[in-house]
Amino acid sequence: MWVYVIFAHPEKDSFCGSILSAVLEELAQAGHDVDVPDLYAENFNPALPLEEWKTYEGPVGSAIRAYVDRLKRSNGIIWIFPTWNHGLPAILKGYVHRVWKPNVAFRIDDRRCVTSINSITCNSLLWLRLLEPVG
């Protein structure tokens, strides 16, 4: 299985980085091929440029083509990111808006949403939340 492990944390020496290391080790032991877009290390630009916005439902532009190709090649997805201010880090939110766009990740057929990524058979969202006791 080709697994796409989306990593969105600026520091590999972090709790999320430790999760990434453990996930990659397990995937390697299981014999999976892995692709890790490290959004911070790759300097992914989360801002949606005006020209890209104007053609949002149209063809994929060159700025995100490699990310779309990597996504469509995958059979499984694992998301690793912290929860900051009760949501996704801005870089990951921008990634989702720019890459998982209409006619790439989904399409609307007869008023229902249908996946456009037929290769994905496994999607895993690991959400760990550490809470400090109140009081």
C-alpha atoms as a PDB file:
ATOM      1  CA  MET A   1       0.000   0.000   0.000  1.00  0.00           C
ATOM      2  CA  TRP A   2       1.219   3.512  -0.826  1.00  0.00           C
ATOM      3  CA  VAL A   3       0.580   5.657   2.293  1.00  0.00           C
ATOM      4  CA  TYR A   4       0.496   9.448   2.250  1.00  0.00           C
ATOM      5  CA  VAL A   5       1.470  10.783   5.698  1.00  0.00           C
ATOM      6  CA  ILE A   6       0.634  14.488   5.886  1.00  0.00           C
ATOM      7  CA  PHE A   7       2.822  16.143   8.540  1.00  0.00           C
ATOM      8  CA  ALA A   8       2.047  19.688   9.660  1.00  0.00           C
ATOM      9  CA  HIS A   9       4.291  20.790  12.526  1.00  0.00           C
ATOM     10  CA  PRO A  10       7.245  23.182  12.342  1.00  0.00           C
ATOM     11  CA  GLU A  11       9.428  21.103  14.666  1.00  0.00           C
ATOM     12  CA  LYS A  12      10.321  17.454  14.165  1.00  0.00           C
ATOM     13  CA  ASP A  13      11.628  17.368  17.758  1.00  0.00           C
ATOM     14  CA  SER A  14       8.092  17.601  19.147  1.00  0.00           C
ATOM     15  CA  PHE A  15       5.247  15.364  20.248  1.00  0.00           C
ATOM     16  CA  CYS A  16       3.912  15.335  16.668  1.00  0.00           C
ATOM     17  CA  GLY A  17       7.423  14.551  15.420  1.00  0.00           C
ATOM     18  CA  SER A  18       7.548  11.565  17.776  1.00  0.00           C
ATOM     19  CA  ILE A  19       4.208  10.373  16.429  1.00  0.00           C
ATOM     20  CA  LEU A  20       5.562  10.751  12.880  1.00  0.00           C
ATOM     21  CA  SER A  21       8.635   8.667  13.714  1.00  0.00           C
ATOM     22  CA  ALA A  22       6.519   5.910  15.278  1.00  0.00           C
ATOM     23  CA  VAL A  23       4.083   5.880  12.345  1.00  0.00           C
ATOM     24  CA  LEU A  24       6.892   5.714   9.783  1.00  0.00           C
ATOM     25  CA  GLU A  25       8.561   2.867  11.676  1.00  0.00           C
ATOM     26  CA  GLU A  26       5.326   0.862  11.820  1.00  0.00           C
ATOM     27  CA  LEU A  27       4.582   1.465   8.146  1.00  0.00           C
ATOM     28  CA  ALA A  28       8.109   0.394   7.156  1.00  0.00           C
ATOM     29  CA  GLN A  29       7.850  -2.777   9.241  1.00  0.00           C
ATOM     30  CA  ALA A  30       4.553  -3.575   7.534  1.00  0.00           C
ATOM     31  CA  GLY A  31       6.196  -3.149   4.122  1.00  0.00           C
ATOM     32  CA  HIS A  32       4.263  -0.087   2.984  1.00  0.00           C
ATOM     33  CA  ASP A  33       5.627   2.592   0.665  1.00  0.00           C
ATOM     34  CA  VAL A  34       5.422   6.022   2.253  1.00  0.00           C
ATOM     35  CA  ASP A  35       5.273   9.603   0.999  1.00  0.00           C
ATOM     36  CA  VAL A  36       5.543  12.323   3.655  1.00  0.00           C
ATOM     37  CA  PRO A  37       4.667  15.842   2.626  1.00  0.00           C
ATOM     38  CA  ASP A  38       6.217  17.843   5.484  1.00  0.00           C
ATOM     39  CA  LEU A  39       4.381  21.089   4.875  1.00  0.00           C
ATOM     40  CA  TYR A  40       6.699  23.276   6.965  1.00  0.00           C
ATOM     41  CA  ALA A  41       9.948  21.729   5.687  1.00  0.00           C
ATOM     42  CA  GLU A  42       8.673  22.025   2.105  1.00  0.00           C
ATOM     43  CA  ASN A  43       7.673  25.675   2.714  1.00  0.00           C
ATOM     44  CA  PHE A  44       4.133  25.024   1.509  1.00  0.00           C
ATOM     45  CA  ASN A  45       2.375  28.340   0.883  1.00  0.00           C
ATOM     46  CA  PRO A  46      -1.066  28.116   2.532  1.00  0.00           C
ATOM     47  CA  ALA A  47      -2.328  31.352   0.964  1.00  0.00           C
ATOM     48  CA  LEU A  48      -4.710  30.957  -1.968  1.00  0.00           C
ATOM     49  CA  PRO A  49      -3.452  33.358  -4.655  1.00  0.00           C
ATOM     50  CA  LEU A  50      -6.044  35.410  -6.549  1.00  0.00           C
ATOM     51  CA  GLU A  51      -5.348  33.710  -9.893  1.00  0.00           C
ATOM     52  CA  GLU A  52      -5.725  30.275  -8.313  1.00  0.00           C
ATOM     53  CA  TRP A  53      -8.976  31.352  -6.663  1.00  0.00           C
ATOM     54  CA  LYS A  54     -10.362  32.541 -10.010  1.00  0.00           C
ATOM     55  CA  THR A  55      -9.930  29.026 -11.445  1.00  0.00           C
ATOM     56  CA  TYR A  56     -10.650  27.142  -8.211  1.00  0.00           C
ATOM     57  CA  GLU A  57     -12.949  24.551  -9.824  1.00  0.00           C
ATOM     58  CA  GLY A  58     -10.841  24.382 -12.975  1.00  0.00           C
ATOM     59  CA  PRO A  59      -7.594  22.664 -13.863  1.00  0.00           C
ATOM     60  CA  VAL A  60      -4.875  22.170 -11.253  1.00  0.00           C
ATOM     61  CA  GLY A  61      -2.202  24.850 -11.406  1.00  0.00           C
ATOM     62  CA  SER A  62       1.529  24.222 -11.445  1.00  0.00           C
ATOM     63  CA  ALA A  63       1.992  25.486  -7.859  1.00  0.00           C
ATOM     64  CA  ILE A  64       0.057  22.547  -6.395  1.00  0.00           C
ATOM     65  CA  ARG A  65       0.361  19.945  -9.190  1.00  0.00           C
ATOM     66  CA  ALA A  66       3.007  17.889  -7.328  1.00  0.00           C
ATOM     67  CA  TYR A  67       0.826  17.731  -4.186  1.00  0.00           C
ATOM     68  CA  VAL A  68      -2.207  16.646  -6.208  1.00  0.00           C
ATOM     69  CA  ASP A  69      -0.184  13.961  -7.992  1.00  0.00           C
ATOM     70  CA  ARG A  70       1.170  12.656  -4.686  1.00  0.00           C
ATOM     71  CA  LEU A  71      -2.335  12.590  -3.192  1.00  0.00           C
ATOM     72  CA  LYS A  72      -3.858  10.748  -6.146  1.00  0.00           C
ATOM     73  CA  ARG A  73      -1.072   8.134  -6.096  1.00  0.00           C
ATOM     74  CA  SER A  74      -1.823   7.163  -2.483  1.00  0.00           C
ATOM     75  CA  ASN A  75      -3.897   4.253  -1.208  1.00  0.00           C
ATOM     76  CA  GLY A  76      -4.004   5.423   2.389  1.00  0.00           C
ATOM     77  CA  ILE A  77      -3.706   8.724   4.247  1.00  0.00           C
ATOM     78  CA  ILE A  78      -2.534   9.532   7.752  1.00  0.00           C
ATOM     79  CA  TRP A  79      -2.764  13.093   9.074  1.00  0.00           C
ATOM     80  CA  ILE A  80      -0.352  14.202  11.825  1.00  0.00           C
ATOM     81  CA  PHE A  81      -0.810  17.719  13.202  1.00  0.00           C
ATOM     82  CA  PRO A  82      -1.328  19.586  16.473  1.00  0.00           C
ATOM     83  CA  THR A  83      -4.575  21.280  17.455  1.00  0.00           C
ATOM     84  CA  TRP A  84      -3.844  24.973  17.818  1.00  0.00           C
ATOM     85  CA  ASN A  85      -6.527  27.432  18.922  1.00  0.00           C
ATOM     86  CA  HIS A  86      -9.137  24.662  18.639  1.00  0.00           C
ATOM     87  CA  GLY A  87      -8.380  23.921  14.991  1.00  0.00           C
ATOM     88  CA  LEU A  88      -5.908  23.002  12.291  1.00  0.00           C
ATOM     89  CA  PRO A  89      -2.605  24.829  11.973  1.00  0.00           C
ATOM     90  CA  ALA A  90      -2.976  27.530   9.295  1.00  0.00           C
ATOM     91  CA  ILE A  91      -0.525  25.763   6.981  1.00  0.00           C
ATOM     92  CA  LEU A  92      -2.665  22.595   7.014  1.00  0.00           C
ATOM     93  CA  LYS A  93      -5.909  24.503   6.560  1.00  0.00           C
ATOM     94  CA  GLY A  94      -4.376  26.238   3.533  1.00  0.00           C
ATOM     95  CA  TYR A  95      -3.144  22.879   2.211  1.00  0.00           C
ATOM     96  CA  VAL A  96      -6.663  21.439   2.436  1.00  0.00           C
ATOM     97  CA  HIS A  97      -8.186  24.469   0.695  1.00  0.00           C
ATOM     98  CA  ARG A  98      -5.602  24.542  -2.091  1.00  0.00           C
ATOM     99  CA  VAL A  99      -5.017  20.816  -2.733  1.00  0.00           C
ATOM    100  CA  TRP A 100      -8.236  19.043  -1.692  1.00  0.00           C
ATOM    101  CA  LYS A 101     -10.260  21.227  -4.012  1.00  0.00           C
ATOM    102  CA  PRO A 102     -13.293  20.484  -6.193  1.00  0.00           C
ATOM    103  CA  ASN A 103     -12.533  18.107  -9.069  1.00  0.00           C
ATOM    104  CA  VAL A 104      -9.401  16.904  -7.270  1.00  0.00           C
ATOM    105  CA  ALA A 105     -10.615  15.440  -3.976  1.00  0.00           C
ATOM    106  CA  PHE A 106     -14.340  15.523  -4.686  1.00  0.00           C
ATOM    107  CA  ARG A 107     -16.983  16.529  -7.187  1.00  0.00           C
ATOM    108  CA  ILE A 108     -20.661  17.310  -6.972  1.00  0.00           C
ATOM    109  CA  ASP A 109     -22.842  14.874  -8.951  1.00  0.00           C
ATOM    110  CA  ASP A 110     -26.612  15.329  -8.883  1.00  0.00           C
ATOM    111  CA  ARG A 111     -26.373  17.471  -5.741  1.00  0.00           C
ATOM    112  CA  ARG A 112     -24.299  14.951  -3.784  1.00  0.00           C
ATOM    113  CA  CYS A 113     -20.622  14.955  -2.975  1.00  0.00           C
ATOM    114  CA  VAL A 114     -18.615  12.113  -4.543  1.00  0.00           C
ATOM    115  CA  THR A 115     -14.943  11.344  -3.995  1.00  0.00           C
ATOM    116  CA  SER A 116     -12.597  11.938  -6.903  1.00  0.00           C
ATOM    117  CA  ILE A 117      -9.726  10.023  -5.311  1.00  0.00           C
ATOM    118  CA  ASN A 118     -10.628   6.433  -6.049  1.00  0.00           C
ATOM    119  CA  SER A 119      -7.237   5.047  -5.051  1.00  0.00           C
ATOM    120  CA  ILE A 120      -7.695   5.773  -1.334  1.00  0.00           C
ATOM    121  CA  THR A 121      -8.942   2.799   0.631  1.00  0.00           C
ATOM    122  CA  CYS A 122      -7.772   3.855   4.091  1.00  0.00           C
ATOM    123  CA  ASN A 123      -7.910   7.275   5.759  1.00  0.00           C
ATOM    124  CA  SER A 124      -6.747   7.700   9.324  1.00  0.00           C
ATOM    125  CA  LEU A 125      -7.044  10.828  11.421  1.00  0.00           C
ATOM    126  CA  LEU A 126      -5.083  10.444  14.632  1.00  0.00           C
ATOM    127  CA  TRP A 127      -6.232  13.159  16.957  1.00  0.00           C
ATOM    128  CA  LEU A 128      -4.551  13.191  20.313  1.00  0.00           C
ATOM    129  CA  ARG A 129      -5.554  15.857  22.751  1.00  0.00           C
ATOM    130  CA  LEU A 130      -3.699  16.311  25.993  1.00  0.00           C
ATOM    131  CA  LEU A 131      -5.712  18.055  28.676  1.00  0.00           C
ATOM    132  CA  GLU A 132      -4.380  19.510  31.876  1.00  0.00           C
ATOM    133  CA  PRO A 133      -6.520  19.020  34.971  1.00  0.00           C
ATOM    134  CA  VAL A 134      -8.533  22.109  35.873  1.00  0.00           C
ATOM    135  CA  GLY A 135      -8.259  23.418  39.397  1.00  0.00           C
END
